[in-house]
PDB file of all heavy atoms in Angstrom:
ATOM      1  N   ILE A   1     258.549  47.859 292.796  1.00  0.00           N
ATOM      2  CA  ILE A   1     259.074  46.487 292.593  1.00  0.00           C
ATOM      3  C   ILE A   1     257.967  45.514 292.282  1.00  0.00           C
ATOM      4  O   ILE A   1     258.075  44.741 291.364  1.00  0.00           O
ATOM      5  CB  ILE A   1     259.838  46.036 293.867  1.00  0.00           C
ATOM      6  CG1 ILE A   1     261.117  46.849 294.017  1.00  0.00           C
ATOM      7  CG2 ILE A   1     260.288  44.516 293.670  1.00  0.00           C
ATOM      8  CD1 ILE A   1     261.900  46.595 295.334  1.00  0.00           C
ATOM      9  N   LEU A   2     256.834  45.648 293.087  1.00  0.00           N
ATOM     10  CA  LEU A   2     255.761  44.690 292.899  1.00  0.00           C
ATOM     11  C   LEU A   2     254.903  44.934 291.634  1.00  0.00           C
ATOM     12  O   LEU A   2     254.540  44.050 290.976  1.00  0.00           O
ATOM     13  CB  LEU A   2     254.864  44.831 294.143  1.00  0.00           C
ATOM     14  CG  LEU A   2     253.572  43.895 294.151  1.00  0.00           C
ATOM     15  CD1 LEU A   2     253.929  42.485 294.099  1.00  0.00           C
ATOM     16  CD2 LEU A   2     252.729  44.246 295.367  1.00  0.00           C
ATOM     17  N   LEU A   3     254.696  46.263 291.362  1.00  0.00           N
ATOM     18  CA  LEU A   3     253.719  46.602 290.303  1.00  0.00           C
ATOM     19  C   LEU A   3     254.372  46.962 288.919  1.00  0.00           C
ATOM     20  O   LEU A   3     253.692  46.964 287.961  1.00  0.00           O
ATOM     21  CB  LEU A   3     252.844  47.728 290.791  1.00  0.00           C
ATOM     22  CG  LEU A   3     251.963  47.477 292.007  1.00  0.00           C
ATOM     23  CD1 LEU A   3     251.233  48.698 292.457  1.00  0.00           C
ATOM     24  CD2 LEU A   3     250.975  46.289 291.688  1.00  0.00           C
ATOM     25  N   ILE A   4     255.695  47.185 289.026  1.00  0.00           N
ATOM     26  CA  ILE A   4     256.421  47.494 287.719  1.00  0.00           C
ATOM     27  C   ILE A   4     257.507  46.425 287.446  1.00  0.00           C
ATOM     28  O   ILE A   4     257.439  45.696 286.374  1.00  0.00           O
ATOM     29  CB  ILE A   4     257.035  48.880 287.654  1.00  0.00           C
ATOM     30  CG1 ILE A   4     255.953  49.978 287.838  1.00  0.00           C
ATOM     31  CG2 ILE A   4     257.718  49.077 286.358  1.00  0.00           C
ATOM     32  CD1 ILE A   4     256.498  51.412 287.810  1.00  0.00           C
ATOM     33  N   ALA A   5     258.432  46.297 288.360  1.00  0.00           N
ATOM     34  CA  ALA A   5     259.542  45.373 288.114  1.00  0.00           C
ATOM     35  C   ALA A   5     259.110  43.906 287.960  1.00  0.00           C
ATOM     36  O   ALA A   5     259.569  43.193 287.089  1.00  0.00           O
ATOM     37  CB  ALA A   5     260.583  45.528 289.172  1.00  0.00           C
ATOM     38  N   ALA A   6     258.303  43.517 288.959  1.00  0.00           N
ATOM     39  CA  ALA A   6     257.850  42.071 288.997  1.00  0.00           C
ATOM     40  C   ALA A   6     257.199  41.589 287.677  1.00  0.00           C
ATOM     41  O   ALA A   6     257.523  40.527 287.122  1.00  0.00           O
ATOM     42  CB  ALA A   6     257.002  41.791 290.169  1.00  0.00           C
ATOM     43  N   PRO A   7     256.201  42.351 287.147  1.00  0.00           N
ATOM     44  CA  PRO A   7     255.513  41.859 285.927  1.00  0.00           C
ATOM     45  C   PRO A   7     256.362  41.862 284.654  1.00  0.00           C
ATOM     46  O   PRO A   7     256.035  41.140 283.703  1.00  0.00           O
ATOM     47  CB  PRO A   7     254.331  42.849 285.796  1.00  0.00           C
ATOM     48  CG  PRO A   7     254.227  43.521 287.150  1.00  0.00           C
ATOM     49  CD  PRO A   7     255.517  43.560 287.655  1.00  0.00           C
ATOM     50  N   LEU A   8     257.389  42.628 284.628  1.00  0.00           N
ATOM     51  CA  LEU A   8     258.201  42.821 283.409  1.00  0.00           C
ATOM     52  C   LEU A   8     259.124  41.657 283.218  1.00  0.00           C
ATOM     53  O   LEU A   8     259.579  40.986 284.209  1.00  0.00           O
ATOM     54  CB  LEU A   8     258.948  44.142 283.437  1.00  0.00           C
ATOM     55  CG  LEU A   8     258.158  45.396 283.419  1.00  0.00           C
ATOM     56  CD1 LEU A   8     258.970  46.642 283.322  1.00  0.00           C
ATOM     57  CD2 LEU A   8     257.002  45.371 282.360  1.00  0.00           C
ATOM     58  N   ARG A   9     259.503  41.423 281.960  1.00  0.00           N
ATOM     59  CA  ARG A   9     260.433  40.260 281.587  1.00  0.00           C
ATOM     60  C   ARG A   9     261.815  40.747 281.629  1.00  0.00           C
ATOM     61  O   ARG A   9     262.227  41.592 280.865  1.00  0.00           O
ATOM     62  CB  ARG A   9     260.011  39.760 280.209  1.00  0.00           C
ATOM     63  CG  ARG A   9     258.612  39.220 280.192  1.00  0.00           C
ATOM     64  CD  ARG A   9     258.154  38.983 278.700  1.00  0.00           C
ATOM     65  NE  ARG A   9     258.975  37.987 278.098  1.00  0.00           N
ATOM     66  CZ  ARG A   9     259.274  37.941 276.862  1.00  0.00           C
ATOM     67  NH1 ARG A   9     258.781  38.928 275.983  1.00  0.00           N
ATOM     68  NH2 ARG A   9     260.022  36.970 276.303  1.00  0.00           N
ATOM     69  N   SER A  10     262.623  40.225 282.552  1.00  0.00           N
ATOM     70  CA  SER A  10     264.036  40.581 282.643  1.00  0.00           C
ATOM     71  C   SER A  10     264.752  39.415 283.291  1.00  0.00           C
ATOM     72  O   SER A  10     264.248  38.846 284.331  1.00  0.00           O
ATOM     73  CB  SER A  10     264.187  41.873 283.476  1.00  0.00           C
ATOM     74  OG  SER A  10     265.583  42.242 283.539  1.00  0.00           O
ATOM     75  N   ARG A  11     265.916  39.161 282.886  1.00  0.00           N
ATOM     76  CA  ARG A  11     266.755  38.094 283.452  1.00  0.00           C
ATOM     77  C   ARG A  11     267.244  38.470 284.818  1.00  0.00           C
ATOM     78  O   ARG A  11     267.241  37.616 285.705  1.00  0.00           O
ATOM     79  CB  ARG A  11     267.970  37.777 282.536  1.00  0.00           C
ATOM     80  CG  ARG A  11     268.876  36.743 283.026  1.00  0.00           C
ATOM     81  CD  ARG A  11     269.990  36.382 282.063  1.00  0.00           C
ATOM     82  NE  ARG A  11     270.845  35.329 282.504  1.00  0.00           N
ATOM     83  CZ  ARG A  11     271.948  34.893 281.900  1.00  0.00           C
ATOM     84  NH1 ARG A  11     272.233  35.415 280.695  1.00  0.00           N
ATOM     85  NH2 ARG A  11     272.646  33.902 282.376  1.00  0.00           N
ATOM     86  N   TYR A  12     267.625  39.730 285.011  1.00  0.00           N
ATOM     87  CA  TYR A  12     268.119  40.173 286.280  1.00  0.00           C
ATOM     88  C   TYR A  12     267.258  41.351 286.744  1.00  0.00           C
ATOM     89  O   TYR A  12     266.970  42.231 285.922  1.00  0.00           O
ATOM     90  CB  TYR A  12     269.538  40.650 286.161  1.00  0.00           C
ATOM     91  CG  TYR A  12     270.479  39.461 285.672  1.00  0.00           C
ATOM     92  CD1 TYR A  12     271.152  39.615 284.449  1.00  0.00           C
ATOM     93  CD2 TYR A  12     270.784  38.420 286.510  1.00  0.00           C
ATOM     94  CE1 TYR A  12     272.030  38.685 283.993  1.00  0.00           C
ATOM     95  CE2 TYR A  12     271.615  37.378 286.073  1.00  0.00           C
ATOM     96  CZ  TYR A  12     272.199  37.593 284.816  1.00  0.00           C
ATOM     97  OH  TYR A  12     273.155  36.550 284.396  1.00  0.00           O
ATOM     98  N   LYS A  13     266.884  41.330 288.018  1.00  0.00           N
ATOM     99  CA  LYS A  13     266.164  42.435 288.631  1.00  0.00           C
ATOM    100  C   LYS A  13     266.765  42.906 289.871  1.00  0.00           C
ATOM    101  O   LYS A  13     266.963  42.076 290.768  1.00  0.00           O
ATOM    102  CB  LYS A  13     264.691  42.007 288.841  1.00  0.00           C
ATOM    103  CG  LYS A  13     263.955  41.650 287.565  1.00  0.00           C
ATOM    104  CD  LYS A  13     262.488  41.259 287.892  1.00  0.00           C
ATOM    105  CE  LYS A  13     261.776  40.922 286.527  1.00  0.00           C
ATOM    106  NZ  LYS A  13     260.336  40.569 286.726  1.00  0.00           N
ATOM    107  N   VAL A  14     267.242  44.198 289.929  1.00  0.00           N
ATOM    108  CA  VAL A  14     268.154  44.634 291.037  1.00  0.00           C
ATOM    109  C   VAL A  14     267.475  45.824 291.667  1.00  0.00           C
ATOM    110  O   VAL A  14     266.980  46.723 291.017  1.00  0.00           O
ATOM    111  CB  VAL A  14     269.494  45.025 290.405  1.00  0.00           C
ATOM    112  CG1 VAL A  14     270.396  45.567 291.439  1.00  0.00           C
ATOM    113  CG2 VAL A  14     270.145  43.846 289.694  1.00  0.00           C
ATOM    114  N   SER A  15     267.520  45.911 292.975  1.00  0.00           N
ATOM    115  CA  SER A  15     267.122  47.033 293.754  1.00  0.00           C
ATOM    116  C   SER A  15     267.470  46.779 295.232  1.00  0.00           C
ATOM    117  O   SER A  15     268.128  45.788 295.588  1.00  0.00           O
ATOM    118  CB  SER A  15     265.604  47.210 293.580  1.00  0.00           C
ATOM    119  OG  SER A  15     265.201  48.400 294.302  1.00  0.00           O
ATOM    120  N   TYR A  16     267.151  47.794 295.990  1.00  0.00           N
ATOM    121  CA  TYR A  16     267.217  47.646 297.515  1.00  0.00           C
ATOM    122  C   TYR A  16     266.015  46.938 298.008  1.00  0.00           C
ATOM    123  O   TYR A  16     264.963  46.921 297.344  1.00  0.00           O
ATOM    124  CB  TYR A  16     267.318  49.042 298.134  1.00  0.00           C
ATOM    125  CG  TYR A  16     268.570  49.783 297.904  1.00  0.00           C
ATOM    126  CD1 TYR A  16     268.752  50.795 296.938  1.00  0.00           C
ATOM    127  CD2 TYR A  16     269.659  49.539 298.752  1.00  0.00           C
ATOM    128  CE1 TYR A  16     269.920  51.499 296.818  1.00  0.00           C
ATOM    129  CE2 TYR A  16     270.877  50.194 298.612  1.00  0.00           C
ATOM    130  CZ  TYR A  16     270.980  51.175 297.610  1.00  0.00           C
ATOM    131  OH  TYR A  16     272.168  51.859 297.490  1.00  0.00           O
ATOM    132  N   GLY A  17     266.150  46.342 299.172  1.00  0.00           N
ATOM    133  CA  GLY A  17     265.002  45.708 299.861  1.00  0.00           C
ATOM    134  C   GLY A  17     264.495  46.555 301.031  1.00  0.00           C
ATOM    135  O   GLY A  17     263.621  46.017 301.733  1.00  0.00           O
ATOM    136  N   ILE A  18     265.049  47.733 301.244  1.00  0.00           N
ATOM    137  CA  ILE A  18     264.644  48.543 302.432  1.00  0.00           C
ATOM    138  C   ILE A  18     263.212  49.052 302.447  1.00  0.00           C
ATOM    139  O   ILE A  18     262.782  49.541 303.421  1.00  0.00           O
ATOM    140  CB  ILE A  18     265.657  49.675 302.659  1.00  0.00           C
ATOM    141  CG1 ILE A  18     265.706  50.575 301.404  1.00  0.00           C
ATOM    142  CG2 ILE A  18     267.004  49.087 303.013  1.00  0.00           C
ATOM    143  CD1 ILE A  18     266.556  51.758 301.587  1.00  0.00           C
ATOM    144  N   GLY A  19     262.597  48.989 301.283  1.00  0.00           N
ATOM    145  CA  GLY A  19     261.223  49.390 301.150  1.00  0.00           C
ATOM    146  C   GLY A  19     260.265  48.268 300.940  1.00  0.00           C
ATOM    147  O   GLY A  19     259.035  48.446 300.669  1.00  0.00           O
ATOM    148  N   GLY A  20     260.823  47.068 301.110  1.00  0.00           N
ATOM    149  CA  GLY A  20     260.046  45.880 300.886  1.00  0.00           C
ATOM    150  C   GLY A  20     260.158  45.252 299.420  1.00  0.00           C
ATOM    151  O   GLY A  20     260.702  45.963 298.607  1.00  0.00           O
ATOM    152  N   GLY A  21     259.733  44.039 299.268  1.00  0.00           N
ATOM    153  CA  GLY A  21     259.679  43.447 297.964  1.00  0.00           C
ATOM    154  C   GLY A  21     260.992  42.794 297.531  1.00  0.00           C
ATOM    155  O   GLY A  21     261.111  42.362 296.347  1.00  0.00           O
ATOM    156  N   ALA A  22     261.982  42.603 298.428  1.00  0.00           N
ATOM    157  CA  ALA A  22     263.242  41.943 298.078  1.00  0.00           C
ATOM    158  C   ALA A  22     263.010  40.538 297.515  1.00  0.00           C
ATOM    159  O   ALA A  22     263.859  40.126 296.660  1.00  0.00           O
ATOM    160  CB  ALA A  22     264.168  41.920 299.239  1.00  0.00           C
ATOM    161  N   TYR A  23     262.002  39.861 297.844  1.00  0.00           N
ATOM    162  CA  TYR A  23     261.820  38.462 297.442  1.00  0.00           C
ATOM    163  C   TYR A  23     261.439  38.448 295.951  1.00  0.00           C
ATOM    164  O   TYR A  23     261.465  37.313 295.390  1.00  0.00           O
ATOM    165  CB  TYR A  23     260.683  37.868 298.263  1.00  0.00           C
ATOM    166  CG  TYR A  23     259.377  38.615 298.331  1.00  0.00           C
ATOM    167  CD1 TYR A  23     258.378  38.454 297.371  1.00  0.00           C
ATOM    168  CD2 TYR A  23     259.159  39.590 299.347  1.00  0.00           C
ATOM    169  CE1 TYR A  23     257.197  39.158 297.386  1.00  0.00           C
ATOM    170  CE2 TYR A  23     257.980  40.333 299.408  1.00  0.00           C
ATOM    171  CZ  TYR A  23     257.028  40.183 298.392  1.00  0.00           C
ATOM    172  OH  TYR A  23     255.881  40.823 298.390  1.00  0.00           O
ATOM    173  N   LEU A  24     261.094  39.599 295.350  1.00  0.00           N
ATOM    174  CA  LEU A  24     260.814  39.624 293.958  1.00  0.00           C
ATOM    175  C   LEU A  24     262.035  39.933 293.087  1.00  0.00           C
ATOM    176  O   LEU A  24     261.905  40.046 291.874  1.00  0.00           O
ATOM    177  CB  LEU A  24     259.710  40.697 293.702  1.00  0.00           C
ATOM    178  CG  LEU A  24     258.378  40.410 294.323  1.00  0.00           C
ATOM    179  CD1 LEU A  24     257.447  41.641 294.293  1.00  0.00           C
ATOM    180  CD2 LEU A  24     257.636  39.271 293.634  1.00  0.00           C
ATOM    181  N   LEU A  25     263.127  40.228 293.733  1.00  0.00           N
ATOM    182  CA  LEU A  25     264.349  40.560 293.011  1.00  0.00           C
ATOM    183  C   LEU A  25     265.286  39.338 292.824  1.00  0.00           C
ATOM    184  O   LEU A  25     265.202  38.365 293.536  1.00  0.00           O
ATOM    185  CB  LEU A  25     265.129  41.584 293.816  1.00  0.00           C
ATOM    186  CG  LEU A  25     264.405  42.904 294.205  1.00  0.00           C
ATOM    187  CD1 LEU A  25     265.252  43.671 295.129  1.00  0.00           C
ATOM    188  CD2 LEU A  25     264.046  43.736 292.968  1.00  0.00           C
ATOM    189  N   THR A  26     266.127  39.398 291.752  1.00  0.00           N
ATOM    190  CA  THR A  26     267.125  38.405 291.624  1.00  0.00           C
ATOM    191  C   THR A  26     268.372  38.762 292.377  1.00  0.00           C
ATOM    192  O   THR A  26     269.102  37.937 292.909  1.00  0.00           O
ATOM    193  CB  THR A  26     267.555  38.222 290.143  1.00  0.00           C
ATOM    194  OG1 THR A  26     268.083  39.440 289.617  1.00  0.00           O
ATOM    195  CG2 THR A  26     266.304  37.786 289.322  1.00  0.00           C
ATOM    196  N   HIS A  27     268.602  40.098 292.587  1.00  0.00           N
ATOM    197  CA  HIS A  27     269.729  40.611 293.251  1.00  0.00           C
ATOM    198  C   HIS A  27     269.336  41.733 294.166  1.00  0.00           C
ATOM    199  O   HIS A  27     268.797  42.740 293.664  1.00  0.00           O
ATOM    200  CB  HIS A  27     270.872  41.043 292.325  1.00  0.00           C
ATOM    201  CG  HIS A  27     271.467  39.895 291.513  1.00  0.00           C
ATOM    202  ND1 HIS A  27     270.784  39.349 290.516  1.00  0.00           N
ATOM    203  CD2 HIS A  27     272.664  39.262 291.662  1.00  0.00           C
ATOM    204  CE1 HIS A  27     271.553  38.370 289.956  1.00  0.00           C
ATOM    205  NE2 HIS A  27     272.679  38.331 290.675  1.00  0.00           N
ATOM    206  N   GLU A  28     269.542  41.670 295.505  1.00  0.00           N
ATOM    207  CA  GLU A  28     269.224  42.706 296.409  1.00  0.00           C
ATOM    208  C   GLU A  28     270.523  43.528 296.767  1.00  0.00           C
ATOM    209  O   GLU A  28     271.447  42.932 297.222  1.00  0.00           O
ATOM    210  CB  GLU A  28     268.569  42.163 297.681  1.00  0.00           C
ATOM    211  CG  GLU A  28     268.255  43.231 298.691  1.00  0.00           C
ATOM    212  CD  GLU A  28     267.743  42.650 300.058  1.00  0.00           C
ATOM    213  OE1 GLU A  28     267.645  41.400 300.114  1.00  0.00           O
ATOM    214  OE2 GLU A  28     267.580  43.436 300.992  1.00  0.00           O
ATOM    215  N   VAL A  29     270.410  44.782 296.679  1.00  0.00           N
ATOM    216  CA  VAL A  29     271.519  45.650 297.152  1.00  0.00           C
ATOM    217  C   VAL A  29     271.357  46.009 298.567  1.00  0.00           C
ATOM    218  O   VAL A  29     270.273  46.390 298.996  1.00  0.00           O
ATOM    219  CB  VAL A  29     271.533  46.963 296.323  1.00  0.00           C
ATOM    220  CG1 VAL A  29     272.685  47.889 296.693  1.00  0.00           C
ATOM    221  CG2 VAL A  29     271.552  46.746 294.834  1.00  0.00           C
ATOM    222  N   LEU A  30     272.406  45.734 299.362  1.00  0.00           N
ATOM    223  CA  LEU A  30     272.267  45.865 300.843  1.00  0.00           C
ATOM    224  C   LEU A  30     272.489  47.435 301.176  1.00  0.00           C
ATOM    225  O   LEU A  30     273.303  48.099 300.624  1.00  0.00           O
ATOM    226  CB  LEU A  30     273.353  45.145 301.479  1.00  0.00           C
ATOM    227  CG  LEU A  30     273.217  43.631 301.362  1.00  0.00           C
ATOM    228  CD1 LEU A  30     274.306  42.931 302.149  1.00  0.00           C
ATOM    229  CD2 LEU A  30     271.905  43.122 301.754  1.00  0.00           C
ATOM    230  N   TYR A  31     271.608  47.838 302.091  1.00  0.00           N
ATOM    231  CA  TYR A  31     271.665  49.271 302.559  1.00  0.00           C
ATOM    232  C   TYR A  31     272.391  49.243 303.960  1.00  0.00           C
ATOM    233  O   TYR A  31     272.043  48.508 304.817  1.00  0.00           O
ATOM    234  CB  TYR A  31     270.282  49.737 302.754  1.00  0.00           C
ATOM    235  CG  TYR A  31     270.188  51.172 303.336  1.00  0.00           C
ATOM    236  CD1 TYR A  31     270.326  52.282 302.478  1.00  0.00           C
ATOM    237  CD2 TYR A  31     269.934  51.359 304.661  1.00  0.00           C
ATOM    238  CE1 TYR A  31     270.260  53.529 302.974  1.00  0.00           C
ATOM    239  CE2 TYR A  31     269.909  52.706 305.208  1.00  0.00           C
ATOM    240  CZ  TYR A  31     270.009  53.719 304.332  1.00  0.00           C
ATOM    241  OH  TYR A  31     269.943  55.048 304.906  1.00  0.00           O
ATOM    242  N   THR A  32     273.468  50.110 303.977  1.00  0.00           N
ATOM    243  CA  THR A  32     274.352  50.035 305.178  1.00  0.00           C
ATOM    244  C   THR A  32     274.212  51.232 306.084  1.00  0.00           C
ATOM    245  O   THR A  32     274.274  51.164 307.237  1.00  0.00           O
ATOM    246  CB  THR A  32     275.798  49.915 304.726  1.00  0.00           C
ATOM    247  OG1 THR A  32     276.101  50.968 303.871  1.00  0.00           O
ATOM    248  CG2 THR A  32     275.963  48.524 304.084  1.00  0.00           C
ATOM    249  N   GLU A  33     273.953  52.448 305.504  1.00  0.00           N
ATOM    250  CA  GLU A  33     273.963  53.640 306.288  1.00  0.00           C
ATOM    251  C   GLU A  33     273.192  54.755 305.547  1.00  0.00           C
ATOM    252  O   GLU A  33     273.010  54.720 304.384  1.00  0.00           O
ATOM    253  CB  GLU A  33     275.360  54.028 306.645  1.00  0.00           C
ATOM    254  CG  GLU A  33     276.160  54.422 305.431  1.00  0.00           C
ATOM    255  CD  GLU A  33     277.617  54.818 305.804  1.00  0.00           C
ATOM    256  OE1 GLU A  33     277.861  55.031 306.971  1.00  0.00           O
ATOM    257  OE2 GLU A  33     278.459  55.010 304.833  1.00  0.00           O
ATOM    258  N   LEU A  34     272.897  55.789 306.331  1.00  0.00           N
ATOM    259  CA  LEU A  34     272.241  56.981 305.750  1.00  0.00           C
ATOM    260  C   LEU A  34     273.235  57.673 304.931  1.00  0.00           C
ATOM    261  O   LEU A  34     274.313  58.044 305.316  1.00  0.00           O
ATOM    262  CB  LEU A  34     271.745  57.943 306.860  1.00  0.00           C
ATOM    263  CG  LEU A  34     270.978  59.231 306.314  1.00  0.00           C
ATOM    264  CD1 LEU A  34     269.650  58.801 305.828  1.00  0.00           C
ATOM    265  CD2 LEU A  34     270.846  60.182 307.514  1.00  0.00           C
ATOM    266  N   ARG A  35     272.899  57.865 303.570  1.00  0.00           N
ATOM    267  CA  ARG A  35     273.805  58.500 302.658  1.00  0.00           C
ATOM    268  C   ARG A  35     272.940  59.472 301.789  1.00  0.00           C
ATOM    269  O   ARG A  35     271.707  59.369 301.713  1.00  0.00           O
ATOM    270  CB  ARG A  35     274.454  57.507 301.762  1.00  0.00           C
ATOM    271  CG  ARG A  35     275.411  56.594 302.488  1.00  0.00           C
ATOM    272  CD  ARG A  35     275.673  55.314 301.741  1.00  0.00           C
ATOM    273  NE  ARG A  35     276.426  55.523 300.503  1.00  0.00           N
ATOM    274  CZ  ARG A  35     277.757  55.772 300.431  1.00  0.00           C
ATOM    275  NH1 ARG A  35     278.469  55.866 301.538  1.00  0.00           N
ATOM    276  NH2 ARG A  35     278.366  55.950 299.316  1.00  0.00           N
ATOM    277  N   HIS A  36     273.685  60.337 301.129  1.00  0.00           N
ATOM    278  CA  HIS A  36     273.027  61.170 300.170  1.00  0.00           C
ATOM    279  C   HIS A  36     272.374  60.338 299.072  1.00  0.00           C
ATOM    280  O   HIS A  36     272.968  59.328 298.742  1.00  0.00           O
ATOM    281  CB  HIS A  36     274.003  62.199 299.527  1.00  0.00           C
ATOM    282  CG  HIS A  36     273.273  63.278 298.807  1.00  0.00           C
ATOM    283  ND1 HIS A  36     272.788  63.152 297.451  1.00  0.00           N
ATOM    284  CD2 HIS A  36     273.025  64.549 299.182  1.00  0.00           C
ATOM    285  CE1 HIS A  36     272.235  64.273 297.116  1.00  0.00           C
ATOM    286  NE2 HIS A  36     272.349  65.157 298.090  1.00  0.00           N
ATOM    287  N   LYS A  37     271.275  60.759 298.506  1.00  0.00           N
ATOM    288  CA  LYS A  37     270.632  59.892 297.536  1.00  0.00           C
ATOM    289  C   LYS A  37     271.425  59.708 296.304  1.00  0.00           C
ATOM    290  O   LYS A  37     271.314  58.641 295.587  1.00  0.00           O
ATOM    291  CB  LYS A  37     269.208  60.519 297.171  1.00  0.00           C
ATOM    292  CG  LYS A  37     268.240  60.267 298.294  1.00  0.00           C
ATOM    293  CD  LYS A  37     266.788  60.679 297.859  1.00  0.00           C
ATOM    294  CE  LYS A  37     265.793  60.395 298.935  1.00  0.00           C
ATOM    295  NZ  LYS A  37     264.379  60.794 298.547  1.00  0.00           N
ATOM    296  N   VAL A  38     272.338  60.621 295.933  1.00  0.00           N
ATOM    297  CA  VAL A  38     273.168  60.409 294.820  1.00  0.00           C
ATOM    298  C   VAL A  38     274.063  59.133 295.106  1.00  0.00           C
ATOM    299  O   VAL A  38     274.252  58.304 294.253  1.00  0.00           O
ATOM    300  CB  VAL A  38     274.047  61.648 294.420  1.00  0.00           C
ATOM    301  CG1 VAL A  38     275.113  61.293 293.468  1.00  0.00           C
ATOM    302  CG2 VAL A  38     273.160  62.754 293.966  1.00  0.00           C
ATOM    303  N   GLU A  39     274.574  59.113 296.283  1.00  0.00           N
ATOM    304  CA  GLU A  39     275.467  57.997 296.683  1.00  0.00           C
ATOM    305  C   GLU A  39     274.642  56.739 296.765  1.00  0.00           C
ATOM    306  O   GLU A  39     275.049  55.636 296.485  1.00  0.00           O
ATOM    307  CB  GLU A  39     276.234  58.303 297.978  1.00  0.00           C
ATOM    308  CG  GLU A  39     277.209  59.375 297.852  1.00  0.00           C
ATOM    309  CD  GLU A  39     278.339  59.091 296.971  1.00  0.00           C
ATOM    310  OE1 GLU A  39     278.586  57.876 296.587  1.00  0.00           O
ATOM    311  OE2 GLU A  39     279.181  59.954 296.670  1.00  0.00           O
ATOM    312  N   TYR A  40     273.414  56.887 297.319  1.00  0.00           N
ATOM    313  CA  TYR A  40     272.483  55.752 297.438  1.00  0.00           C
ATOM    314  C   TYR A  40     272.258  55.050 296.091  1.00  0.00           C
ATOM    315  O   TYR A  40     272.292  53.819 295.924  1.00  0.00           O
ATOM    316  CB  TYR A  40     271.199  56.343 297.993  1.00  0.00           C
ATOM    317  CG  TYR A  40     269.974  55.372 298.063  1.00  0.00           C
ATOM    318  CD1 TYR A  40     269.800  54.538 299.179  1.00  0.00           C
ATOM    319  CD2 TYR A  40     269.035  55.324 297.078  1.00  0.00           C
ATOM    320  CE1 TYR A  40     268.728  53.759 299.266  1.00  0.00           C
ATOM    321  CE2 TYR A  40     267.960  54.469 297.117  1.00  0.00           C
ATOM    322  CZ  TYR A  40     267.755  53.666 298.242  1.00  0.00           C
ATOM    323  OH  TYR A  40     266.696  52.871 298.382  1.00  0.00           O
ATOM    324  N   HIS A  41     272.041  55.953 295.064  1.00  0.00           N
ATOM    325  CA  HIS A  41     271.947  55.384 293.670  1.00  0.00           C
ATOM    326  C   HIS A  41     273.219  54.843 293.158  1.00  0.00           C
ATOM    327  O   HIS A  41     273.236  53.818 292.478  1.00  0.00           O
ATOM    328  CB  HIS A  41     271.387  56.484 292.782  1.00  0.00           C
ATOM    329  CG  HIS A  41     269.978  56.998 293.163  1.00  0.00           C
ATOM    330  ND1 HIS A  41     269.658  58.289 293.184  1.00  0.00           N
ATOM    331  CD2 HIS A  41     268.876  56.274 293.524  1.00  0.00           C
ATOM    332  CE1 HIS A  41     268.385  58.388 293.595  1.00  0.00           C
ATOM    333  NE2 HIS A  41     267.883  57.237 293.746  1.00  0.00           N
ATOM    334  N   LEU A  42     274.315  55.509 293.351  1.00  0.00           N
ATOM    335  CA  LEU A  42     275.587  55.044 292.868  1.00  0.00           C
ATOM    336  C   LEU A  42     276.029  53.784 293.538  1.00  0.00           C
ATOM    337  O   LEU A  42     276.724  52.951 292.928  1.00  0.00           O
ATOM    338  CB  LEU A  42     276.692  56.120 293.094  1.00  0.00           C
ATOM    339  CG  LEU A  42     276.544  57.313 292.166  1.00  0.00           C
ATOM    340  CD1 LEU A  42     277.650  58.347 292.534  1.00  0.00           C
ATOM    341  CD2 LEU A  42     276.773  56.951 290.697  1.00  0.00           C
ATOM    342  N   ASP A  43     275.543  53.475 294.780  1.00  0.00           N
ATOM    343  CA  ASP A  43     275.839  52.244 295.432  1.00  0.00           C
ATOM    344  C   ASP A  43     275.198  51.023 294.682  1.00  0.00           C
ATOM    345  O   ASP A  43     275.778  49.893 294.767  1.00  0.00           O
ATOM    346  CB  ASP A  43     275.291  52.190 296.830  1.00  0.00           C
ATOM    347  CG  ASP A  43     276.226  52.958 297.837  1.00  0.00           C
ATOM    348  OD1 ASP A  43     277.465  53.119 297.414  1.00  0.00           O
ATOM    349  OD2 ASP A  43     275.747  53.240 298.996  1.00  0.00           O
TER     350      ASP A  43
END
């Protein structure tokens, strides 16, 4: 998020904040429970 997403030009920046860096996003996806990574991505 800090070294790739933040420097790039984009109107919307979306990710999870569970690894840090949520303050650099325009939209934070909330993490609710342990899930398979396929579902984690589909969320």
